Amino acid sequence: MLISLYSGMASWVVVPQRVRPTNAAAIHGPLIFEGTIHSHLLSTEVWSRIWTEWERNSFASVSEDLGLVLLEACLNRYGTLTPPFTQAHGQSA
């Protein structure tokens, strides 16, 4: 699953791709789009927490450190933060 990562002054949030972070922005203030990443870059524990938060709030908060690690992991693996990610960029089926 593709998820979008946004940053703000006090928080970073993730939402499913193509979902606007309206609820998150109302709570956390203006958000800046940082990139789109694959959910499989997340550990099972983090993914489970994010999924639970999505069901409650339509967004999930992540730490700035985790956000930066995810962006770097996506760039290292695919060379881009903009979907679609293709087989040419190393995506495994």
PDB file of N, CA and C in Angstrom:
ATOM      1  N   MET A   1       0.850  -1.176   0.000  1.00  0.00           N
ATOM      2  CA  MET A   1       0.000   0.000   0.000  1.00  0.00           C
ATOM      3  C   MET A   1       0.892   1.233   0.000  1.00  0.00           C
ATOM      4  N   LEU A   2       0.497   2.221  -0.746  1.00  0.00           N
ATOM      5  CA  LEU A   2       1.222   3.487  -0.768  1.00  0.00           C
ATOM      6  C   LEU A   2       0.624   4.438   0.262  1.00  0.00           C
ATOM      7  N   ILE A   3       1.506   5.109   1.001  1.00  0.00           N
ATOM      8  CA  ILE A   3       1.063   6.076   1.985  1.00  0.00           C
ATOM      9  C   ILE A   3       1.819   7.383   1.756  1.00  0.00           C
ATOM     10  N   SER A   4       1.156   8.480   2.066  1.00  0.00           N
ATOM     11  CA  SER A   4       1.755   9.802   1.896  1.00  0.00           C
ATOM     12  C   SER A   4       2.186  10.339   3.243  1.00  0.00           C
ATOM     13  N   LEU A   5       3.340  10.962   3.238  1.00  0.00           N
ATOM     14  CA  LEU A   5       3.928  11.502   4.454  1.00  0.00           C
ATOM     15  C   LEU A   5       3.918  13.025   4.383  1.00  0.00           C
ATOM     16  N   TYR A   6       3.424  13.659   5.445  1.00  0.00           N
ATOM     17  CA  TYR A   6       3.345  15.113   5.538  1.00  0.00           C
ATOM     18  C   TYR A   6       4.058  15.565   6.807  1.00  0.00           C
ATOM     19  N   SER A   7       4.656  16.745   6.746  1.00  0.00           N
ATOM     20  CA  SER A   7       5.293  17.302   7.938  1.00  0.00           C
ATOM     21  C   SER A   7       4.658  18.640   8.277  1.00  0.00           C
ATOM     22  N   GLY A   8       4.713  18.946   9.569  1.00  0.00           N
ATOM     23  CA  GLY A   8       4.229  20.225  10.056  1.00  0.00           C
ATOM     24  C   GLY A   8       5.211  20.775  11.072  1.00  0.00           C
ATOM     25  N   MET A   9       4.893  21.891  11.637  1.00  0.00           N
ATOM     26  CA  MET A   9       5.786  22.520  12.617  1.00  0.00           C
ATOM     27  C   MET A   9       5.988  21.627  13.845  1.00  0.00           C
ATOM     28  N   ALA A  10       4.928  20.949  14.273  1.00  0.00           N
ATOM     29  CA  ALA A  10       5.020  20.178  15.507  1.00  0.00           C
ATOM     30  C   ALA A  10       4.838  18.682  15.322  1.00  0.00           C
ATOM     31  N   SER A  11       4.524  18.228  14.109  1.00  0.00           N
ATOM     32  CA  SER A  11       4.263  16.804  13.946  1.00  0.00           C
ATOM     33  C   SER A  11       4.431  16.370  12.496  1.00  0.00           C
ATOM     34  N   TRP A  12       4.592  15.083  12.332  1.00  0.00           N
ATOM     35  CA  TRP A  12       4.582  14.440  11.024  1.00  0.00           C
ATOM     36  C   TRP A  12       3.408  13.477  11.014  1.00  0.00           C
ATOM     37  N   VAL A  13       2.730  13.360   9.879  1.00  0.00           N
ATOM     38  CA  VAL A  13       1.583  12.456   9.785  1.00  0.00           C
ATOM     39  C   VAL A  13       1.659  11.655   8.497  1.00  0.00           C
ATOM     40  N   VAL A  14       0.999  10.491   8.517  1.00  0.00           N
ATOM     41  CA  VAL A  14       0.859   9.670   7.324  1.00  0.00           C
ATOM     42  C   VAL A  14      -0.620   9.438   7.076  1.00  0.00           C
ATOM     43  N   VAL A  15      -0.964   9.410   5.792  1.00  0.00           N
ATOM     44  CA  VAL A  15      -2.322   9.134   5.356  1.00  0.00           C
ATOM     45  C   VAL A  15      -2.232   8.194   4.153  1.00  0.00           C
ATOM     46  N   PRO A  16      -3.306   7.457   3.866  1.00  0.00           N
ATOM     47  CA  PRO A  16      -3.289   6.652   2.646  1.00  0.00           C
ATOM     48  C   PRO A  16      -3.083   7.562   1.432  1.00  0.00           C
ATOM     49  N   GLN A  17      -2.401   7.047   0.425  1.00  0.00           N
ATOM     50  CA  GLN A  17      -2.179   7.837  -0.784  1.00  0.00           C
ATOM     51  C   GLN A  17      -3.525   8.311  -1.330  1.00  0.00           C
ATOM     52  N   ARG A  18      -3.540   9.518  -1.841  1.00  0.00           N
ATOM     53  CA  ARG A  18      -4.711  10.173  -2.429  1.00  0.00           C
ATOM     54  C   ARG A  18      -5.755  10.606  -1.399  1.00  0.00           C
ATOM     55  N   VAL A  19      -5.417  10.541  -0.117  1.00  0.00           N
ATOM     56  CA  VAL A  19      -6.305  11.055   0.932  1.00  0.00           C
ATOM     57  C   VAL A  19      -5.702  12.358   1.418  1.00  0.00           C
ATOM     58  N   ARG A  20      -6.488  13.416   1.374  1.00  0.00           N
ATOM     59  CA  ARG A  20      -6.006  14.712   1.843  1.00  0.00           C
ATOM     60  C   ARG A  20      -5.964  14.703   3.371  1.00  0.00           C
ATOM     61  N   PRO A  21      -4.919  15.259   3.960  1.00  0.00           N
ATOM     62  CA  PRO A  21      -4.788  15.242   5.426  1.00  0.00           C
ATOM     63  C   PRO A  21      -5.584  16.357   6.106  1.00  0.00           C
ATOM     64  N   THR A  22      -6.834  16.503   5.734  1.00  0.00           N
ATOM     65  CA  THR A  22      -7.677  17.586   6.233  1.00  0.00           C
ATOM     66  C   THR A  22      -7.823  17.530   7.751  1.00  0.00           C
ATOM     67  N   ASN A  23      -8.148  16.359   8.288  1.00  0.00           N
ATOM     68  CA  ASN A  23      -8.321  16.233   9.743  1.00  0.00           C
ATOM     69  C   ASN A  23      -7.022  16.509  10.474  1.00  0.00           C
ATOM     70  N   ALA A  24      -5.912  16.011   9.950  1.00  0.00           N
ATOM     71  CA  ALA A  24      -4.613  16.237  10.580  1.00  0.00           C
ATOM     72  C   ALA A  24      -4.258  17.720  10.569  1.00  0.00           C
ATOM     73  N   ALA A  25      -4.503  18.391   9.457  1.00  0.00           N
ATOM     74  CA  ALA A  25      -4.189  19.820   9.356  1.00  0.00           C
ATOM     75  C   ALA A  25      -5.048  20.646  10.324  1.00  0.00           C
ATOM     76  N   ALA A  26      -6.293  20.217  10.525  1.00  0.00           N
ATOM     77  CA  ALA A  26      -7.165  20.936  11.458  1.00  0.00           C
ATOM     78  C   ALA A  26      -6.628  20.841  12.886  1.00  0.00           C
ATOM     79  N   ILE A  27      -5.975  19.741  13.211  1.00  0.00           N
ATOM     80  CA  ILE A  27      -5.447  19.538  14.557  1.00  0.00           C
ATOM     81  C   ILE A  27      -4.020  20.070  14.699  1.00  0.00           C
ATOM     82  N   HIS A  28      -3.184  19.803  13.697  1.00  0.00           N
ATOM     83  CA  HIS A  28      -1.754  20.094  13.798  1.00  0.00           C
ATOM     84  C   HIS A  28      -1.299  21.339  13.048  1.00  0.00           C
ATOM     85  N   GLY A  29      -2.182  21.974  12.323  1.00  0.00           N
ATOM     86  CA  GLY A  29      -1.795  23.159  11.558  1.00  0.00           C
ATOM     87  C   GLY A  29      -1.362  22.792  10.149  1.00  0.00           C
ATOM     88  N   PRO A  30      -0.854  23.765   9.410  1.00  0.00           N
ATOM     89  CA  PRO A  30      -0.473  23.528   8.012  1.00  0.00           C
ATOM     90  C   PRO A  30       0.540  22.390   7.881  1.00  0.00           C
ATOM     91  N   LEU A  31       0.347  21.576   6.844  1.00  0.00           N
ATOM     92  CA  LEU A  31       1.223  20.435   6.590  1.00  0.00           C
ATOM     93  C   LEU A  31       1.826  20.550   5.199  1.00  0.00           C
ATOM     94  N   ILE A  32       3.036  20.043   5.061  1.00  0.00           N
ATOM     95  CA  ILE A  32       3.745  20.050   3.788  1.00  0.00           C
ATOM     96  C   ILE A  32       3.922  18.609   3.322  1.00  0.00           C
ATOM     97  N   PHE A  33       3.571  18.343   2.063  1.00  0.00           N
ATOM     98  CA  PHE A  33       3.762  17.015   1.501  1.00  0.00           C
ATOM     99  C   PHE A  33       5.251  16.723   1.387  1.00  0.00           C
ATOM    100  N   GLU A  34       5.674  15.578   1.932  1.00  0.00           N
ATOM    101  CA  GLU A  34       7.083  15.184   1.892  1.00  0.00           C
ATOM    102  C   GLU A  34       7.355  14.106   0.856  1.00  0.00           C
ATOM    103  N   GLY A  35       6.394  13.215   0.648  1.00  0.00           N
ATOM    104  CA  GLY A  35       6.603  12.149  -0.326  1.00  0.00           C
ATOM    105  C   GLY A  35       5.651  10.997  -0.095  1.00  0.00           C
ATOM    106  N   THR A  36       5.702  10.055  -1.009  1.00  0.00           N
ATOM    107  CA  THR A  36       4.890   8.849  -0.928  1.00  0.00           C
ATOM    108  C   THR A  36       5.829   7.669  -0.742  1.00  0.00           C
ATOM    109  N   ILE A  37       5.484   6.790   0.176  1.00  0.00           N
ATOM    110  CA  ILE A  37       6.325   5.643   0.476  1.00  0.00           C
ATOM    111  C   ILE A  37       5.493   4.372   0.471  1.00  0.00           C
ATOM    112  N   HIS A  38       6.156   3.252   0.378  1.00  0.00           N
ATOM    113  CA  HIS A  38       5.500   1.952   0.479  1.00  0.00           C
ATOM    114  C   HIS A  38       5.321   1.580   1.940  1.00  0.00           C
ATOM    115  N   SER A  39       4.162   1.055   2.266  1.00  0.00           N
ATOM    116  CA  SER A  39       3.900   0.652   3.649  1.00  0.00           C
ATOM    117  C   SER A  39       4.811  -0.485   4.087  1.00  0.00           C
ATOM    118  N   HIS A  40       5.307  -1.298   3.150  1.00  0.00           N
ATOM    119  CA  HIS A  40       6.157  -2.416   3.565  1.00  0.00           C
ATOM    120  C   HIS A  40       7.518  -1.954   4.098  1.00  0.00           C
ATOM    121  N   LEU A  41       7.824  -0.659   3.990  1.00  0.00           N
ATOM    122  CA  LEU A  41       9.037  -0.133   4.602  1.00  0.00           C
ATOM    123  C   LEU A  41       8.865   0.044   6.115  1.00  0.00           C
ATOM    124  N   LEU A  42       7.619  -0.095   6.594  1.00  0.00           N
ATOM    125  CA  LEU A  42       7.319   0.031   8.020  1.00  0.00           C
ATOM    126  C   LEU A  42       7.407  -1.328   8.703  1.00  0.00           C
ATOM    127  N   SER A  43       7.849  -1.329   9.943  1.00  0.00           N
ATOM    128  CA  SER A  43       7.823  -2.577  10.714  1.00  0.00           C
ATOM    129  C   SER A  43       6.365  -2.964  10.967  1.00  0.00           C
ATOM    130  N   THR A  44       6.138  -4.219  11.274  1.00  0.00           N
ATOM    131  CA  THR A  44       4.781  -4.708  11.556  1.00  0.00           C
ATOM    132  C   THR A  44       4.162  -3.950  12.718  1.00  0.00           C
ATOM    133  N   GLU A  45       4.955  -3.684  13.741  1.00  0.00           N
ATOM    134  CA  GLU A  45       4.458  -2.973  14.922  1.00  0.00           C
ATOM    135  C   GLU A  45       4.008  -1.551  14.573  1.00  0.00           C
ATOM    136  N   VAL A  46       4.838  -0.834  13.823  1.00  0.00           N
ATOM    137  CA  VAL A  46       4.502   0.541  13.431  1.00  0.00           C
ATOM    138  C   VAL A  46       3.300   0.533  12.495  1.00  0.00           C
ATOM    139  N   TRP A  47       3.276  -0.383  11.530  1.00  0.00           N
ATOM    140  CA  TRP A  47       2.159  -0.461  10.579  1.00  0.00           C
ATOM    141  C   TRP A  47       0.851  -0.727  11.316  1.00  0.00           C
ATOM    142  N   SER A  48       0.870  -1.618  12.292  1.00  0.00           N
ATOM    143  CA  SER A  48      -0.330  -1.929  13.070  1.00  0.00           C
ATOM    144  C   SER A  48      -0.835  -0.690  13.811  1.00  0.00           C
ATOM    145  N   ARG A  49       0.084   0.069  14.412  1.00  0.00           N
ATOM    146  CA  ARG A  49      -0.310   1.290  15.131  1.00  0.00           C
ATOM    147  C   ARG A  49      -0.892   2.317  14.171  1.00  0.00           C
ATOM    148  N   ILE A  50      -0.253   2.472  13.009  1.00  0.00           N
ATOM    149  CA  ILE A  50      -0.743   3.429  12.008  1.00  0.00           C
ATOM    150  C   ILE A  50      -2.134   3.034  11.544  1.00  0.00           C
ATOM    151  N   TRP A  51      -2.327   1.771  11.241  1.00  0.00           N
ATOM    152  CA  TRP A  51      -3.631   1.294  10.749  1.00  0.00           C
ATOM    153  C   TRP A  51      -4.717   1.565  11.792  1.00  0.00           C
ATOM    154  N   THR A  52      -4.407   1.323  13.059  1.00  0.00           N
ATOM    155  CA  THR A  52      -5.365   1.574  14.136  1.00  0.00           C
ATOM    156  C   THR A  52      -5.716   3.057  14.219  1.00  0.00           C
ATOM    157  N   GLU A  53      -4.708   3.918  14.116  1.00  0.00           N
ATOM    158  CA  GLU A  53      -4.970   5.363  14.140  1.00  0.00           C
ATOM    159  C   GLU A  53      -5.787   5.796  12.930  1.00  0.00           C
ATOM    160  N   TRP A  54      -5.518   5.223  11.761  1.00  0.00           N
ATOM    161  CA  TRP A  54      -6.294   5.568  10.567  1.00  0.00           C
ATOM    162  C   TRP A  54      -7.769   5.266  10.775  1.00  0.00           C
ATOM    163  N   GLU A  55      -8.060   4.151  11.393  1.00  0.00           N
ATOM    164  CA  GLU A  55      -9.456   3.783  11.624  1.00  0.00           C
ATOM    165  C   GLU A  55     -10.165   4.785  12.535  1.00  0.00           C
ATOM    166  N   ARG A  56      -9.421   5.396  13.458  1.00  0.00           N
ATOM    167  CA  ARG A  56     -10.010   6.385  14.375  1.00  0.00           C
ATOM    168  C   ARG A  56     -10.023   7.794  13.796  1.00  0.00           C
ATOM    169  N   ASN A  57      -8.914   8.206  13.160  1.00  0.00           N
ATOM    170  CA  ASN A  57      -8.719   9.612  12.819  1.00  0.00           C
ATOM    171  C   ASN A  57      -8.529   9.926  11.343  1.00  0.00           C
ATOM    172  N   SER A  58      -8.395   8.938  10.502  1.00  0.00           N
ATOM    173  CA  SER A  58      -8.081   9.088   9.074  1.00  0.00           C
ATOM    174  C   SER A  58      -6.665   9.597   8.822  1.00  0.00           C
ATOM    175  N   PHE A  59      -5.837   9.650   9.874  1.00  0.00           N
ATOM    176  CA  PHE A  59      -4.414   9.956   9.752  1.00  0.00           C
ATOM    177  C   PHE A  59      -3.712   9.339  10.956  1.00  0.00           C
ATOM    178  N   ALA A  60      -2.397   9.223  10.858  1.00  0.00           N
ATOM    179  CA  ALA A  60      -1.609   8.728  11.980  1.00  0.00           C
ATOM    180  C   ALA A  60      -0.392   9.616  12.155  1.00  0.00           C
ATOM    181  N   SER A  61      -0.041   9.877  13.389  1.00  0.00           N
ATOM    182  CA  SER A  61       1.147  10.660  13.694  1.00  0.00           C
ATOM    183  C   SER A  61       2.362   9.744  13.740  1.00  0.00           C
ATOM    184  N   VAL A  62       3.478  10.253  13.238  1.00  0.00           N
ATOM    185  CA  VAL A  62       4.759   9.553  13.354  1.00  0.00           C
ATOM    186  C   VAL A  62       5.792  10.565  13.818  1.00  0.00           C
ATOM    187  N   SER A  63       6.857  10.073  14.393  1.00  0.00           N
ATOM    188  CA  SER A  63       7.908  10.985  14.830  1.00  0.00           C
ATOM    189  C   SER A  63       8.661  11.533  13.626  1.00  0.00           C
ATOM    190  N   GLU A  64       9.282  12.684  13.815  1.00  0.00           N
ATOM    191  CA  GLU A  64      10.097  13.254  12.743  1.00  0.00           C
ATOM    192  C   GLU A  64      11.219  12.290  12.374  1.00  0.00           C
ATOM    193  N   ASP A  65      11.815  11.656  13.375  1.00  0.00           N
ATOM    194  CA  ASP A  65      12.891  10.698  13.104  1.00  0.00           C
ATOM    195  C   ASP A  65      12.408   9.561  12.212  1.00  0.00           C
ATOM    196  N   LEU A  66      11.238   8.992  12.541  1.00  0.00           N
ATOM    197  CA  LEU A  66      10.701   7.909  11.719  1.00  0.00           C
ATOM    198  C   LEU A  66      10.381   8.418  10.319  1.00  0.00           C
ATOM    199  N   GLY A  67       9.790   9.590  10.218  1.00  0.00           N
ATOM    200  CA  GLY A  67       9.479  10.156   8.911  1.00  0.00           C
ATOM    201  C   GLY A  67      10.711  10.298   8.039  1.00  0.00           C
ATOM    202  N   LEU A  68      11.785  10.811   8.611  1.00  0.00           N
ATOM    203  CA  LEU A  68      13.025  10.986   7.851  1.00  0.00           C
ATOM    204  C   LEU A  68      13.643   9.649   7.468  1.00  0.00           C
ATOM    205  N   VAL A  69      13.574   8.668   8.365  1.00  0.00           N
ATOM    206  CA  VAL A  69      14.098   7.331   8.064  1.00  0.00           C
ATOM    207  C   VAL A  69      13.306   6.710   6.910  1.00  0.00           C
ATOM    208  N   LEU A  70      11.993   6.857   6.932  1.00  0.00           N
ATOM    209  CA  LEU A  70      11.158   6.294   5.871  1.00  0.00           C
ATOM    210  C   LEU A  70      11.432   6.956   4.527  1.00  0.00           C
ATOM    211  N   LEU A  71      11.583   8.278   4.538  1.00  0.00           N
ATOM    212  CA  LEU A  71      11.895   8.969   3.285  1.00  0.00           C
ATOM    213  C   LEU A  71      13.231   8.495   2.723  1.00  0.00           C
ATOM    214  N   GLU A  72      14.213   8.368   3.587  1.00  0.00           N
ATOM    215  CA  GLU A  72      15.537   7.922   3.133  1.00  0.00           C
ATOM    216  C   GLU A  72      15.482   6.483   2.617  1.00  0.00           C
ATOM    217  N   ALA A  73      14.760   5.606   3.324  1.00  0.00           N
ATOM    218  CA  ALA A  73      14.642   4.213   2.890  1.00  0.00           C
ATOM    219  C   ALA A  73      13.969   4.123   1.523  1.00  0.00           C
ATOM    220  N   CYS A  74      12.958   4.934   1.305  1.00  0.00           N
ATOM    221  CA  CYS A  74      12.249   4.928   0.022  1.00  0.00           C
ATOM    222  C   CYS A  74      13.162   5.442  -1.086  1.00  0.00           C
ATOM    223  N   LEU A  75      13.880   6.505  -0.830  1.00  0.00           N
ATOM    224  CA  LEU A  75      14.819   7.031  -1.833  1.00  0.00           C
ATOM    225  C   LEU A  75      15.913   6.019  -2.155  1.00  0.00           C
ATOM    226  N   ASN A  76      16.442   5.363  -1.128  1.00  0.00           N
ATOM    227  CA  ASN A  76      17.498   4.378  -1.348  1.00  0.00           C
ATOM    228  C   ASN A  76      16.995   3.194  -2.165  1.00  0.00           C
ATOM    229  N   ARG A  77      15.773   2.768  -1.911  1.00  0.00           N
ATOM    230  CA  ARG A  77      15.249   1.579  -2.593  1.00  0.00           C
ATOM    231  C   ARG A  77      14.737   1.891  -3.991  1.00  0.00           C
ATOM    232  N   TYR A  78      14.036   3.015  -4.158  1.00  0.00           N
ATOM    233  CA  TYR A  78      13.360   3.301  -5.421  1.00  0.00           C
ATOM    234  C   TYR A  78      13.932   4.495  -6.179  1.00  0.00           C
ATOM    235  N   GLY A  79      14.718   5.325  -5.506  1.00  0.00           N
ATOM    236  CA  GLY A  79      15.290   6.494  -6.156  1.00  0.00           C
ATOM    237  C   GLY A  79      14.300   7.616  -6.373  1.00  0.00           C
ATOM    238  N   THR A  80      13.120   7.516  -5.767  1.00  0.00           N
ATOM    239  CA  THR A  80      12.086   8.538  -5.934  1.00  0.00           C
ATOM    240  C   THR A  80      11.140   8.518  -4.740  1.00  0.00           C
ATOM    241  N   LEU A  81      10.473   9.647  -4.525  1.00  0.00           N
ATOM    242  CA  LEU A  81       9.408   9.729  -3.521  1.00  0.00           C
ATOM    243  C   LEU A  81       8.065   9.986  -4.190  1.00  0.00           C
ATOM    244  N   THR A  82       8.053   9.845  -5.516  1.00  0.00           N
ATOM    245  CA  THR A  82       6.843  10.119  -6.284  1.00  0.00           C
ATOM    246  C   THR A  82       6.375   8.856  -6.985  1.00  0.00           C
ATOM    247  N   PRO A  83       5.172   8.361  -6.695  1.00  0.00           N
ATOM    248  CA  PRO A  83       4.678   7.182  -7.389  1.00  0.00           C
ATOM    249  C   PRO A  83       4.369   7.519  -8.842  1.00  0.00           C
ATOM    250  N   PRO A  84       4.170   6.581  -9.735  1.00  0.00           N
ATOM    251  CA  PRO A  84       4.200   5.153  -9.412  1.00  0.00           C
ATOM    252  C   PRO A  84       5.617   4.621  -9.340  1.00  0.00           C
ATOM    253  N   PHE A  85       5.815   3.707  -8.420  1.00  0.00           N
ATOM    254  CA  PHE A  85       7.076   3.006  -8.315  1.00  0.00           C
ATOM    255  C   PHE A  85       6.988   1.830  -9.291  1.00  0.00           C
ATOM    256  N   THR A  86       8.015   1.613 -10.048  1.00  0.00           N
ATOM    257  CA  THR A  86       7.964   0.579 -11.079  1.00  0.00           C
ATOM    258  C   THR A  86       8.983  -0.513 -10.812  1.00  0.00           C
ATOM    259  N   GLN A  87       8.879  -1.596 -11.554  1.00  0.00           N
ATOM    260  CA  GLN A  87       9.841  -2.676 -11.457  1.00  0.00           C
ATOM    261  C   GLN A  87      11.244  -2.142 -11.767  1.00  0.00           C
ATOM    262  N   ALA A  88      11.338  -1.157 -12.631  1.00  0.00           N
ATOM    263  CA  ALA A  88      12.633  -0.586 -13.005  1.00  0.00           C
ATOM    264  C   ALA A  88      13.329   0.043 -11.806  1.00  0.00           C
ATOM    265  N   HIS A  89      12.549   0.475 -10.815  1.00  0.00           N
ATOM    266  CA  HIS A  89      13.118   1.079  -9.621  1.00  0.00           C
ATOM    267  C   HIS A  89      13.381   0.037  -8.535  1.00  0.00           C
ATOM    268  N   GLY A  90      13.184  -1.243  -8.847  1.00  0.00           N
ATOM    269  CA  GLY A  90      13.531  -2.288  -7.903  1.00  0.00           C
ATOM    270  C   GLY A  90      12.399  -2.791  -7.037  1.00  0.00           C
ATOM    271  N   GLN A  91      11.167  -2.484  -7.354  1.00  0.00           N
ATOM    272  CA  GLN A  91      10.055  -2.948  -6.565  1.00  0.00           C
ATOM    273  C   GLN A  91       9.910  -4.445  -6.747  1.00  0.00           C
ATOM    274  N   SER A  92       9.791  -5.183  -5.648  1.00  0.00           N
ATOM    275  CA  SER A  92       9.562  -6.611  -5.759  1.00  0.00           C
ATOM    276  C   SER A  92       8.073  -6.873  -5.813  1.00  0.00           C
ATOM    277  N   ALA A  93       7.712  -7.887  -6.539  1.00  0.00           N
ATOM    278  CA  ALA A  93       6.290  -8.200  -6.737  1.00  0.00           C
ATOM    279  C   ALA A  93       5.720  -8.918  -5.544  1.00  0.00           C
TER     280      ALA A  93
END
